[in-house]
Amino acid sequence: QVQVVETGGGLVQPGGSLRLSCQVSRSIFSFDAMGWFRQAPGKKREFVAEVTAQGRTHYTNSVKGRFTISRDNAKNTVFLQMNSLKPEDTAVYYCNAHTLDPGPYEYWGQGTQVTVSS
């Protein structure tokens, strides 16, 4: 069973920054991609960003230029640096790791709350 653990959420003022971390219990290269999703109250879970095993990154349009996804291969950890935060970024952020073959299989963390408010 793969363990996925997120840390780093919290309360921040608009314009501030937070960094989320996601550590998995096996090599991040065993996944086709790792990424972040978020779910705001009353809304569906949405894609935020991902990094593939080859190192390619993808972002949803609303966070481009503000969020950066990166990884520490030795620590099996993926980060999401969030800058210039806006109230509409408020959500529970979930880390996701998935494989396509074998699979598809998806693994999710428990979520971490990010609140952007003055």
C-alpha atoms as a PDB file:
ATOM      1  CA  GLN A   1       0.000   0.000   0.000  1.00  0.00           C
ATOM      2  CA  VAL A   2       1.351   3.399  -0.991  1.00  0.00           C
ATOM      3  CA  GLN A   3       1.326   6.088   1.678  1.00  0.00           C
ATOM      4  CA  VAL A   4       0.836   9.697   0.569  1.00  0.00           C
ATOM      5  CA  VAL A   5       1.307  12.403   3.194  1.00  0.00           C
ATOM      6  CA  GLU A   6       0.780  16.132   2.626  1.00  0.00           C
ATOM      7  CA  THR A   7       2.006  18.898   4.891  1.00  0.00           C
ATOM      8  CA  GLY A   8       2.286  22.663   4.717  1.00  0.00           C
ATOM      9  CA  GLY A   9      -1.228  24.073   4.594  1.00  0.00           C
ATOM     10  CA  GLY A  10      -2.409  26.962   6.697  1.00  0.00           C
ATOM     11  CA  LEU A  11      -3.854  30.453   6.812  1.00  0.00           C
ATOM     12  CA  VAL A  12      -2.216  33.181   4.749  1.00  0.00           C
ATOM     13  CA  GLN A  13      -3.151  36.702   3.715  1.00  0.00           C
ATOM     14  CA  PRO A  14      -3.871  37.562   0.078  1.00  0.00           C
ATOM     15  CA  GLY A  15      -0.609  38.046  -1.769  1.00  0.00           C
ATOM     16  CA  GLY A  16       1.229  35.719   0.576  1.00  0.00           C
ATOM     17  CA  SER A  17       2.993  32.421  -0.037  1.00  0.00           C
ATOM     18  CA  LEU A  18       2.816  28.835   1.159  1.00  0.00           C
ATOM     19  CA  ARG A  19       4.696  25.685   0.240  1.00  0.00           C
ATOM     20  CA  LEU A  20       2.999  22.318   0.312  1.00  0.00           C
ATOM     21  CA  SER A  21       4.928  19.067   0.546  1.00  0.00           C
ATOM     22  CA  CYS A  22       3.859  15.577  -0.437  1.00  0.00           C
ATOM     23  CA  GLN A  23       5.927  12.567   0.529  1.00  0.00           C
ATOM     24  CA  VAL A  24       5.234   9.084  -0.828  1.00  0.00           C
ATOM     25  CA  SER A  25       6.368   5.758   0.548  1.00  0.00           C
ATOM     26  CA  ARG A  26       8.226   4.600  -2.550  1.00  0.00           C
ATOM     27  CA  SER A  27      10.312   6.099  -5.338  1.00  0.00           C
ATOM     28  CA  ILE A  28       8.551   8.914  -7.166  1.00  0.00           C
ATOM     29  CA  PHE A  29       9.925   7.433 -10.409  1.00  0.00           C
ATOM     30  CA  SER A  30       7.618   4.441  -9.886  1.00  0.00           C
ATOM     31  CA  PHE A  31       4.707   6.752 -10.755  1.00  0.00           C
ATOM     32  CA  ASP A  32       3.886   8.163 -14.175  1.00  0.00           C
ATOM     33  CA  ALA A  33       3.131  11.484 -12.544  1.00  0.00           C
ATOM     34  CA  MET A  34       2.562  13.169  -9.224  1.00  0.00           C
ATOM     35  CA  GLY A  35       0.499  16.247  -8.747  1.00  0.00           C
ATOM     36  CA  TRP A  36      -1.877  18.391  -6.792  1.00  0.00           C
ATOM     37  CA  PHE A  37      -5.623  18.794  -6.897  1.00  0.00           C
ATOM     38  CA  ARG A  38      -7.843  21.039  -4.827  1.00  0.00           C
ATOM     39  CA  GLN A  39     -11.433  21.144  -3.723  1.00  0.00           C
ATOM     40  CA  ALA A  40     -13.164  24.293  -2.561  1.00  0.00           C
ATOM     41  CA  PRO A  41     -16.400  24.148  -0.533  1.00  0.00           C
ATOM     42  CA  GLY A  42     -19.333  23.250  -2.753  1.00  0.00           C
ATOM     43  CA  LYS A  43     -17.135  22.630  -5.778  1.00  0.00           C
ATOM     44  CA  LYS A  44     -15.711  19.619  -7.546  1.00  0.00           C
ATOM     45  CA  ARG A  45     -12.113  18.557  -7.065  1.00  0.00           C
ATOM     46  CA  GLU A  46      -9.970  20.185  -9.748  1.00  0.00           C
ATOM     47  CA  PHE A  47      -6.508  19.668 -11.166  1.00  0.00           C
ATOM     48  CA  VAL A  48      -3.858  22.180 -10.114  1.00  0.00           C
ATOM     49  CA  ALA A  49      -0.438  20.964 -11.244  1.00  0.00           C
ATOM     50  CA  GLU A  50       1.582  17.852 -11.967  1.00  0.00           C
ATOM     51  CA  VAL A  51       5.124  16.726 -12.686  1.00  0.00           C
ATOM     52  CA  THR A  52       5.685  13.631 -14.798  1.00  0.00           C
ATOM     53  CA  ALA A  53       8.336  10.992 -14.271  1.00  0.00           C
ATOM     54  CA  GLN A  54      10.227  12.637 -17.155  1.00  0.00           C
ATOM     55  CA  GLY A  55      10.145  15.974 -15.352  1.00  0.00           C
ATOM     56  CA  ARG A  56       7.536  17.719 -17.472  1.00  0.00           C
ATOM     57  CA  THR A  57       5.229  20.050 -15.597  1.00  0.00           C
ATOM     58  CA  HIS A  58       1.637  21.070 -16.276  1.00  0.00           C
ATOM     59  CA  TYR A  59      -0.533  23.680 -14.592  1.00  0.00           C
ATOM     60  CA  THR A  60      -4.119  24.748 -14.692  1.00  0.00           C
ATOM     61  CA  ASN A  61      -4.439  28.208 -16.225  1.00  0.00           C
ATOM     62  CA  SER A  62      -5.534  29.945 -13.041  1.00  0.00           C
ATOM     63  CA  VAL A  63      -2.246  29.203 -11.241  1.00  0.00           C
ATOM     64  CA  LYS A  64       0.264  29.623 -14.075  1.00  0.00           C
ATOM     65  CA  GLY A  65       2.959  32.108 -13.125  1.00  0.00           C
ATOM     66  CA  ARG A  66       2.052  31.891  -9.427  1.00  0.00           C
ATOM     67  CA  PHE A  67       2.487  28.211  -8.489  1.00  0.00           C
ATOM     68  CA  THR A  68       5.512  26.031  -9.090  1.00  0.00           C
ATOM     69  CA  ILE A  69       5.662  22.270  -8.731  1.00  0.00           C
ATOM     70  CA  SER A  70       9.007  20.631  -8.056  1.00  0.00           C
ATOM     71  CA  ARG A  71      10.423  17.456  -6.573  1.00  0.00           C
ATOM     72  CA  ASP A  72      13.195  16.089  -4.404  1.00  0.00           C
ATOM     73  CA  ASN A  73      13.894  12.675  -5.847  1.00  0.00           C
ATOM     74  CA  ALA A  74      16.045  11.502  -2.954  1.00  0.00           C
ATOM     75  CA  LYS A  75      13.281  12.269  -0.450  1.00  0.00           C
ATOM     76  CA  ASN A  76      10.402  10.946  -2.603  1.00  0.00           C
ATOM     77  CA  THR A  77       8.783  14.333  -2.133  1.00  0.00           C
ATOM     78  CA  VAL A  78       6.938  16.723  -4.406  1.00  0.00           C
ATOM     79  CA  PHE A  79       6.433  20.372  -3.532  1.00  0.00           C
ATOM     80  CA  LEU A  80       3.936  23.014  -4.548  1.00  0.00           C
ATOM     81  CA  GLN A  81       5.223  26.544  -4.055  1.00  0.00           C
ATOM     82  CA  MET A  82       2.273  28.908  -4.073  1.00  0.00           C
ATOM     83  CA  ASN A  83       2.924  32.629  -4.436  1.00  0.00           C
ATOM     84  CA  SER A  84       0.637  35.636  -4.870  1.00  0.00           C
ATOM     85  CA  LEU A  85      -2.160  33.693  -3.251  1.00  0.00           C
ATOM     86  CA  LYS A  86      -5.730  34.816  -3.784  1.00  0.00           C
ATOM     87  CA  PRO A  87      -8.890  34.145  -1.772  1.00  0.00           C
ATOM     88  CA  GLU A  88     -10.112  31.940  -4.621  1.00  0.00           C
ATOM     89  CA  ASP A  89      -7.151  29.620  -3.971  1.00  0.00           C
ATOM     90  CA  THR A  90      -8.792  28.641  -0.689  1.00  0.00           C
ATOM     91  CA  ALA A  91      -9.410  24.902  -0.766  1.00  0.00           C
ATOM     92  CA  VAL A  92      -8.333  21.552   0.552  1.00  0.00           C
ATOM     93  CA  TYR A  93      -5.287  20.541  -1.460  1.00  0.00           C
ATOM     94  CA  TYR A  94      -4.745  16.874  -2.230  1.00  0.00           C
ATOM     95  CA  CYS A  95      -1.608  15.176  -3.445  1.00  0.00           C
ATOM     96  CA  ASN A  96      -2.061  12.544  -6.129  1.00  0.00           C
ATOM     97  CA  ALA A  97       0.278   9.897  -7.462  1.00  0.00           C
ATOM     98  CA  HIS A  98      -0.726   7.652 -10.326  1.00  0.00           C
ATOM     99  CA  THR A  99       0.467   4.924 -12.628  1.00  0.00           C
ATOM    100  CA  LEU A 100      -0.906   4.004 -16.034  1.00  0.00           C
ATOM    101  CA  ASP A 101       0.740   0.650 -16.673  1.00  0.00           C
ATOM    102  CA  PRO A 102       0.327  -1.360 -14.573  1.00  0.00           C
ATOM    103  CA  GLY A 103      -2.939   0.284 -13.744  1.00  0.00           C
ATOM    104  CA  PRO A 104      -4.332   2.739 -13.874  1.00  0.00           C
ATOM    105  CA  TYR A 105      -3.873   3.189 -10.170  1.00  0.00           C
ATOM    106  CA  GLU A 106      -4.301   6.348  -8.163  1.00  0.00           C
ATOM    107  CA  TYR A 107      -3.126   7.179  -4.681  1.00  0.00           C
ATOM    108  CA  TRP A 108      -4.351  10.148  -2.674  1.00  0.00           C
ATOM    109  CA  GLY A 109      -3.258  11.927   0.452  1.00  0.00           C
ATOM    110  CA  GLN A 110      -5.605  13.003   3.211  1.00  0.00           C
ATOM    111  CA  GLY A 111      -5.608  16.638   2.110  1.00  0.00           C
ATOM    112  CA  THR A 112      -4.322  19.834   3.669  1.00  0.00           C
ATOM    113  CA  GLN A 113      -6.342  23.017   4.137  1.00  0.00           C
ATOM    114  CA  VAL A 114      -5.176  26.240   2.520  1.00  0.00           C
ATOM    115  CA  THR A 115      -7.076  29.365   3.521  1.00  0.00           C
ATOM    116  CA  VAL A 116      -6.337  32.739   1.936  1.00  0.00           C
ATOM    117  CA  SER A 117      -7.996  35.501   3.888  1.00  0.00           C
ATOM    118  CA  SER A 118      -7.291  38.867   5.442  1.00  0.00           C
END
